[in-house]
Amino acid sequence: MRTSTPSEAALEYINAYNSHDPERLRRGYHPDFVVSNPIFEGTKNADETVAFISHVWDTLTGARFELFNLAVDGDTALLEFTFAWDDQRDNTTKRTPVADVFTVKDGLLYNLRAYMEGTMVHGWVEEMGG
């Protein structure tokens, strides 16, 4: 079976996130996957990441990634996107820019570092009851 290229893995990550399907998202993570993200302290493994993202999906209506740039060098990919969600309280869409840098191993996401204004997103999740 052919493994995904870093570009394919990156696009599947965006599509899996936007599908709100935790099993699909989990399938894209390497067994030794680890993520660091300014929303939480420390790092999370694949199962912890899926649980966290599922909580975001449950809390922020229409949570999605709006990809606008993908750059790949070897096994490293940089995704630039907007994290967006629909705030039903005031009928607006909230947005914040994000950059994810990850490495791919065996066609799966192996290590991900997210860069964003984490306090804002964390505050949104708390405001919405998460």
C-alpha atoms as a PDB file:
ATOM      1  CA  MET A   1       0.000   0.000   0.000  1.00  0.00           C
ATOM      2  CA  ARG A   2       1.288   3.464  -0.922  1.00  0.00           C
ATOM      3  CA  THR A   3       1.801   5.949   1.903  1.00  0.00           C
ATOM      4  CA  SER A   4       0.643   9.553   1.771  1.00  0.00           C
ATOM      5  CA  THR A   5       3.022  12.301   0.740  1.00  0.00           C
ATOM      6  CA  PRO A   6       3.396  15.205   3.184  1.00  0.00           C
ATOM      7  CA  SER A   7       1.087  17.298   0.942  1.00  0.00           C
ATOM      8  CA  GLU A   8      -1.565  14.574   0.920  1.00  0.00           C
ATOM      9  CA  ALA A   9      -1.267  14.081   4.693  1.00  0.00           C
ATOM     10  CA  ALA A  10      -1.640  17.840   5.215  1.00  0.00           C
ATOM     11  CA  LEU A  11      -4.739  18.076   3.045  1.00  0.00           C
ATOM     12  CA  GLU A  12      -6.275  15.009   4.691  1.00  0.00           C
ATOM     13  CA  TYR A  13      -5.652  16.612   8.093  1.00  0.00           C
ATOM     14  CA  ILE A  14      -7.598  19.717   7.032  1.00  0.00           C
ATOM     15  CA  ASN A  15     -10.394  17.628   5.492  1.00  0.00           C
ATOM     16  CA  ALA A  16     -10.576  15.280   8.499  1.00  0.00           C
ATOM     17  CA  TYR A  17     -10.781  18.242  10.882  1.00  0.00           C
ATOM     18  CA  ASN A  18     -13.505  19.871   8.819  1.00  0.00           C
ATOM     19  CA  SER A  19     -15.479  16.605   8.642  1.00  0.00           C
ATOM     20  CA  HIS A  20     -15.806  16.550  12.461  1.00  0.00           C
ATOM     21  CA  ASP A  21     -15.127  12.797  12.275  1.00  0.00           C
ATOM     22  CA  PRO A  22     -12.876  11.742  15.185  1.00  0.00           C
ATOM     23  CA  GLU A  23     -12.082   8.327  13.678  1.00  0.00           C
ATOM     24  CA  ARG A  24     -11.005   9.883  10.384  1.00  0.00           C
ATOM     25  CA  LEU A  25      -8.862  12.409  12.249  1.00  0.00           C
ATOM     26  CA  ARG A  26      -7.268   9.649  14.381  1.00  0.00           C
ATOM     27  CA  ARG A  27      -6.394   7.558  11.307  1.00  0.00           C
ATOM     28  CA  GLY A  28      -4.143  10.390  10.108  1.00  0.00           C
ATOM     29  CA  TYR A  29      -1.963  10.341  13.232  1.00  0.00           C
ATOM     30  CA  HIS A  30       1.153   8.186  13.560  1.00  0.00           C
ATOM     31  CA  PRO A  31       1.101   5.862  16.634  1.00  0.00           C
ATOM     32  CA  ASP A  32       3.867   8.015  18.175  1.00  0.00           C
ATOM     33  CA  PHE A  33       2.187  11.339  17.279  1.00  0.00           C
ATOM     34  CA  VAL A  34       2.731  14.307  19.584  1.00  0.00           C
ATOM     35  CA  VAL A  35       1.399  17.880  19.352  1.00  0.00           C
ATOM     36  CA  SER A  36       2.292  21.109  21.085  1.00  0.00           C
ATOM     37  CA  ASN A  37      -0.286  23.876  20.956  1.00  0.00           C
ATOM     38  CA  PRO A  38      -0.564  27.218  22.790  1.00  0.00           C
ATOM     39  CA  ILE A  39      -4.160  26.388  23.791  1.00  0.00           C
ATOM     40  CA  PHE A  40      -2.979  23.800  26.304  1.00  0.00           C
ATOM     41  CA  GLU A  41       0.139  23.292  28.408  1.00  0.00           C
ATOM     42  CA  GLY A  42       2.691  20.705  27.386  1.00  0.00           C
ATOM     43  CA  THR A  43       2.054  18.163  24.666  1.00  0.00           C
ATOM     44  CA  LYS A  44      -0.659  15.669  23.786  1.00  0.00           C
ATOM     45  CA  ASN A  45      -0.540  12.291  22.079  1.00  0.00           C
ATOM     46  CA  ALA A  46      -2.923  11.214  19.305  1.00  0.00           C
ATOM     47  CA  ASP A  47      -5.771  10.019  21.531  1.00  0.00           C
ATOM     48  CA  GLU A  48      -5.563  13.092  23.785  1.00  0.00           C
ATOM     49  CA  THR A  49      -5.530  15.327  20.707  1.00  0.00           C
ATOM     50  CA  VAL A  50      -8.622  13.691  19.217  1.00  0.00           C
ATOM     51  CA  ALA A  51     -10.437  14.027  22.553  1.00  0.00           C
ATOM     52  CA  PHE A  52      -9.469  17.712  22.767  1.00  0.00           C
ATOM     53  CA  ILE A  53     -10.500  18.431  19.171  1.00  0.00           C
ATOM     54  CA  SER A  54     -13.797  16.575  19.664  1.00  0.00           C
ATOM     55  CA  HIS A  55     -14.457  18.864  22.626  1.00  0.00           C
ATOM     56  CA  VAL A  56     -13.770  21.919  20.435  1.00  0.00           C
ATOM     57  CA  TRP A  57     -16.184  20.562  17.799  1.00  0.00           C
ATOM     58  CA  ASP A  58     -18.856  20.039  20.463  1.00  0.00           C
ATOM     59  CA  THR A  59     -18.314  23.508  21.914  1.00  0.00           C
ATOM     60  CA  LEU A  60     -17.711  25.790  18.923  1.00  0.00           C
ATOM     61  CA  THR A  61     -20.403  25.504  16.243  1.00  0.00           C
ATOM     62  CA  GLY A  62     -19.006  24.995  12.767  1.00  0.00           C
ATOM     63  CA  ALA A  63     -15.366  24.899  13.932  1.00  0.00           C
ATOM     64  CA  ARG A  64     -13.272  24.657  10.786  1.00  0.00           C
ATOM     65  CA  PHE A  65      -9.929  25.280   9.159  1.00  0.00           C
ATOM     66  CA  GLU A  66      -9.898  27.576   6.116  1.00  0.00           C
ATOM     67  CA  LEU A  67      -6.606  26.684   4.411  1.00  0.00           C
ATOM     68  CA  PHE A  68      -4.865  29.368   2.370  1.00  0.00           C
ATOM     69  CA  ASN A  69      -1.279  28.127   2.092  1.00  0.00           C
ATOM     70  CA  LEU A  70       0.562  24.820   2.122  1.00  0.00           C
ATOM     71  CA  ALA A  71       4.328  24.554   1.769  1.00  0.00           C
ATOM     72  CA  VAL A  72       6.292  21.309   1.907  1.00  0.00           C
ATOM     73  CA  ASP A  73       9.997  20.647   2.256  1.00  0.00           C
ATOM     74  CA  GLY A  74      10.951  16.988   2.507  1.00  0.00           C
ATOM     75  CA  ASP A  75       8.909  15.409   5.294  1.00  0.00           C
ATOM     76  CA  THR A  76       7.934  18.778   6.820  1.00  0.00           C
ATOM     77  CA  ALA A  77       4.773  20.672   5.945  1.00  0.00           C
ATOM     78  CA  LEU A  78       3.662  24.175   6.873  1.00  0.00           C
ATOM     79  CA  LEU A  79      -0.052  24.898   6.809  1.00  0.00           C
ATOM     80  CA  GLU A  80      -1.325  28.445   7.100  1.00  0.00           C
ATOM     81  CA  PHE A  81      -5.042  28.675   7.739  1.00  0.00           C
ATOM     82  CA  THR A  82      -7.743  30.515   9.573  1.00  0.00           C
ATOM     83  CA  PHE A  83      -9.457  28.760  12.465  1.00  0.00           C
ATOM     84  CA  ALA A  84     -13.099  29.809  12.286  1.00  0.00           C
ATOM     85  CA  TRP A  85     -16.323  29.059  14.109  1.00  0.00           C
ATOM     86  CA  ASP A  86     -19.857  30.436  14.025  1.00  0.00           C
ATOM     87  CA  ASP A  87     -20.907  32.279  17.166  1.00  0.00           C
ATOM     88  CA  GLN A  88     -24.672  31.828  17.464  1.00  0.00           C
ATOM     89  CA  ARG A  89     -24.828  34.405  20.260  1.00  0.00           C
ATOM     90  CA  ASP A  90     -24.265  37.335  17.916  1.00  0.00           C
ATOM     91  CA  ASN A  91     -24.530  35.622  14.491  1.00  0.00           C
ATOM     92  CA  THR A  92     -20.892  36.319  13.644  1.00  0.00           C
ATOM     93  CA  THR A  93     -17.995  34.171  12.534  1.00  0.00           C
ATOM     94  CA  LYS A  94     -14.968  34.339  14.794  1.00  0.00           C
ATOM     95  CA  ARG A  95     -11.546  33.871  13.167  1.00  0.00           C
ATOM     96  CA  THR A  96      -7.921  33.642  14.184  1.00  0.00           C
ATOM     97  CA  PRO A  97      -4.851  32.952  12.036  1.00  0.00           C
ATOM     98  CA  VAL A  98      -2.933  29.714  12.648  1.00  0.00           C
ATOM     99  CA  ALA A  99       0.250  28.139  11.362  1.00  0.00           C
ATOM    100  CA  ASP A 100       0.849  24.421  11.859  1.00  0.00           C
ATOM    101  CA  VAL A 101       4.245  22.876  11.192  1.00  0.00           C
ATOM    102  CA  PHE A 102       4.384  19.111  11.158  1.00  0.00           C
ATOM    103  CA  THR A 103       6.515  16.223  10.096  1.00  0.00           C
ATOM    104  CA  VAL A 104       5.196  13.154   8.335  1.00  0.00           C
ATOM    105  CA  LYS A 105       6.459   9.642   9.061  1.00  0.00           C
ATOM    106  CA  ASP A 106       5.178   6.580   7.209  1.00  0.00           C
ATOM    107  CA  GLY A 107       2.568   8.796   5.515  1.00  0.00           C
ATOM    108  CA  LEU A 108       1.036   9.926   8.827  1.00  0.00           C
ATOM    109  CA  LEU A 109       1.288  13.076  10.937  1.00  0.00           C
ATOM    110  CA  TYR A 110       4.124  12.434  13.368  1.00  0.00           C
ATOM    111  CA  ASN A 111       4.837  15.724  15.129  1.00  0.00           C
ATOM    112  CA  LEU A 112       2.802  18.938  15.019  1.00  0.00           C
ATOM    113  CA  ARG A 113       3.567  22.381  16.405  1.00  0.00           C
ATOM    114  CA  ALA A 114       0.733  24.897  16.268  1.00  0.00           C
ATOM    115  CA  TYR A 115       1.279  28.654  16.340  1.00  0.00           C
ATOM    116  CA  MET A 116      -1.641  30.972  17.132  1.00  0.00           C
ATOM    117  CA  GLU A 117      -3.062  33.356  19.671  1.00  0.00           C
ATOM    118  CA  GLY A 118      -4.060  30.509  21.992  1.00  0.00           C
ATOM    119  CA  THR A 119      -5.542  32.684  24.730  1.00  0.00           C
ATOM    120  CA  MET A 120      -8.275  33.879  22.384  1.00  0.00           C
ATOM    121  CA  VAL A 121      -9.308  30.366  21.288  1.00  0.00           C
ATOM    122  CA  HIS A 122      -9.094  29.044  24.849  1.00  0.00           C
ATOM    123  CA  GLY A 123     -11.327  31.935  25.944  1.00  0.00           C
ATOM    124  CA  TRP A 124     -13.868  31.116  23.230  1.00  0.00           C
ATOM    125  CA  VAL A 125     -14.077  27.505  24.357  1.00  0.00           C
ATOM    126  CA  GLU A 126     -14.549  28.584  27.983  1.00  0.00           C
ATOM    127  CA  GLU A 127     -17.202  31.179  27.040  1.00  0.00           C
ATOM    128  CA  MET A 128     -19.172  28.533  25.159  1.00  0.00           C
ATOM    129  CA  GLY A 129     -19.198  26.210  28.168  1.00  0.00           C
ATOM    130  CA  GLY A 130     -16.182  24.068  27.370  1.00  0.00           C
END
